[in-house]
Every structure is written in C-alpha cells, then in structure tokens.
C-alpha cells in the first residue's frame, strides 16, 4: 500500500477532487494549512535583513491506496493541480506498512 500526500493551491482543490473522482478515488482526507517552501515568490517585496517568513495557504490531500493505483492517482493530481507557476505544490509518496479498519478489523487492502 502507498500513502500519497499532495500539497496544492487551495483554488485547485475542486479541480483535483473532480479528477480523482473520475478515476474512482473516493477516500481521501483534506486539510487546510499554511507553509513555506524552498521557492520564494520573487514578486513579494522583502529586504535581505528581515527575518520574516511568509506562510502561504495550501491544501493537503492524503490518500492511502493499493500499490497498483498509486501512479494513476499521482498523475491525476499532478495534471489537475498544475498551473505552471511557483507554488503549484508537491506530491510525496510513502509506503504504508499496515492498514487496519477499526470497525471491521479488516487489514491491508481490505481496510482501505
């Protein structure tokens, strides 16, 4: 199993969730957050001596899926969230060692 974490622009959320629904992804968690990355917005006025960090709003999408669905999900997110501008976001994929349904006790792919 894989865990996909995607950090995207908030205004792209509907487009991304529509793309995920098209490939029959129904289970996901969405969180609103703020953060900063390696790339800075060059149009933002700042001074080198200031130690101010600008946090920008993002949306985090978390999905746990069987290994064979991972590439399709990542491709759908990447395509739907792409604007070509700085700050489009990032996608991280990790291996999930185990999944357990609290209600049924199912494990592995059956739990997701």
Protein backbone atom coordinates (compact mmCIF):
# COMPACT_ATOMS: atom_id res chain seq x y z
CA UNK A 1 0.00 0.00 0.00
CA UNK A 2 1.04 3.61 -0.57
CA UNK A 3 0.24 6.89 1.14
CA UNK A 4 0.05 9.91 -1.13
CA UNK A 5 0.32 13.40 0.37
CA UNK A 6 -0.28 16.25 -2.03
CA UNK A 7 0.15 19.91 -1.11
CA UNK A 8 -1.74 22.07 -3.60
CA UNK A 9 -3.08 25.59 -4.12
CA UNK A 10 -6.48 25.99 -2.38
CA UNK A 11 -8.17 27.24 -5.57
CA UNK A 12 -7.20 23.98 -7.33
CA UNK A 13 -8.96 21.70 -4.82
CA UNK A 14 -12.21 21.29 -6.76
CA UNK A 15 -10.35 20.53 -9.98
CA UNK A 16 -8.18 17.93 -8.23
CA UNK A 17 -11.07 16.23 -6.41
CA UNK A 18 -13.04 16.10 -9.69
CA UNK A 19 -10.05 14.43 -11.38
CA UNK A 20 -9.78 11.92 -8.52
CA UNK A 21 -13.49 11.11 -8.68
CA UNK A 22 -13.12 10.48 -12.43
CA UNK A 23 -10.67 7.66 -11.66
CA UNK A 24 -12.95 6.38 -8.87
CA UNK A 25 -10.96 7.59 -5.86
CA UNK A 26 -13.48 8.22 -3.10
CA UNK A 27 -11.48 8.02 0.12
CA UNK A 28 -9.27 10.97 0.95
CA UNK A 29 -8.59 13.41 3.76
CA UNK A 30 -8.34 17.15 3.14
CA UNK A 31 -6.63 19.65 5.47
CA UNK A 32 -6.20 23.40 5.15
CA UNK A 33 -2.80 24.64 6.28
CA UNK A 34 -0.12 27.26 5.78
CA UNK A 35 3.50 26.69 4.94
CA UNK A 36 6.57 27.88 3.15
CA UNK A 37 8.82 26.15 0.70
CA UNK A 38 12.22 26.44 -0.85
CA UNK A 39 10.99 28.64 -3.69
CA UNK A 40 10.07 32.18 -2.75
CA UNK A 41 7.67 34.41 -4.62
CA UNK A 42 10.01 36.82 -6.38
CA UNK A 43 7.32 39.48 -6.67
CA UNK A 44 6.97 39.74 -2.89
CA UNK A 45 8.72 42.87 -1.56
CA UNK A 46 11.27 41.93 1.06
CA UNK A 47 14.58 43.01 2.44
CA UNK A 48 17.56 40.73 2.94
CA UNK A 49 17.96 41.90 6.53
CA UNK A 50 14.41 40.95 7.51
CA UNK A 51 13.96 37.55 9.11
CA UNK A 52 10.27 37.36 8.19
CA UNK A 53 8.95 34.09 6.79
CA UNK A 54 5.83 34.39 4.65
CA UNK A 55 3.47 31.44 5.01
CA UNK A 56 1.11 30.76 2.15
CA UNK A 57 -2.18 28.86 2.33
CA UNK A 58 -2.16 25.31 0.97
CA UNK A 59 -4.45 22.31 0.98
CA UNK A 60 -3.12 18.87 1.89
CA UNK A 61 -4.76 15.82 0.34
CA UNK A 62 -3.96 12.44 1.90
CA UNK A 63 -4.85 9.16 0.21
CA UNK A 64 -3.93 5.58 1.11
CA UNK A 65 -4.26 3.22 -1.84
CA UNK A 66 -3.19 -0.18 -3.17
CA UNK A 67 0.21 -0.10 -4.91
CA UNK A 68 -1.29 -0.61 -8.37
CA UNK A 69 -3.46 2.54 -8.10
CA UNK A 70 -0.68 4.87 -6.96
CA UNK A 71 0.66 6.03 -10.34
CA UNK A 72 -2.81 6.86 -11.71
CA UNK A 73 -3.67 8.88 -8.60
CA UNK A 74 -0.36 10.78 -8.62
CA UNK A 75 -0.75 11.54 -12.34
CA UNK A 76 -4.33 12.78 -11.86
CA UNK A 77 -3.28 15.11 -9.02
CA UNK A 78 -0.24 16.42 -10.88
CA UNK A 79 -2.20 17.14 -14.05
CA UNK A 80 -5.18 18.75 -12.29
CA UNK A 81 -3.11 20.91 -9.88
CA UNK A 82 -0.64 22.19 -12.49
CA UNK A 83 -0.68 25.90 -13.36
CA UNK A 84 3.00 26.24 -14.29
CA UNK A 85 3.61 28.90 -11.65
CA UNK A 86 5.69 28.76 -8.49
CA UNK A 87 3.78 27.35 -5.58
CA UNK A 88 1.82 24.73 -7.53
CA UNK A 89 2.76 22.31 -4.74
CA UNK A 90 4.37 18.96 -4.11
CA UNK A 91 3.37 15.29 -4.01
CA UNK A 92 5.01 12.79 -1.67
CA UNK A 93 4.54 9.01 -1.85
CA UNK A 94 5.37 6.72 1.07
CA UNK A 95 4.97 3.02 1.74
CA UNK A 96 2.30 2.04 4.25
CA UNK A 97 3.27 -0.97 6.31
CA UNK A 98 -0.23 -1.85 7.52
CA UNK A 99 -3.81 -0.60 7.47
CA UNK A 100 -6.49 -1.77 9.91
CA UNK A 101 -10.20 -0.94 9.90
CA UNK A 102 -11.29 -0.10 13.43
CA UNK A 103 -14.92 -1.05 12.70
CA UNK A 104 -14.41 -4.40 10.93
CA UNK A 105 -10.91 -5.42 11.91
CA UNK A 106 -10.04 -5.87 8.21
CA UNK A 107 -6.36 -5.50 7.38
CA UNK A 108 -4.32 -4.47 4.34
CA UNK A 109 -6.08 -3.50 1.10
CA UNK A 110 -9.42 -4.66 2.55
CA UNK A 111 -9.12 -2.00 5.26
CA UNK A 112 -8.82 0.83 2.78
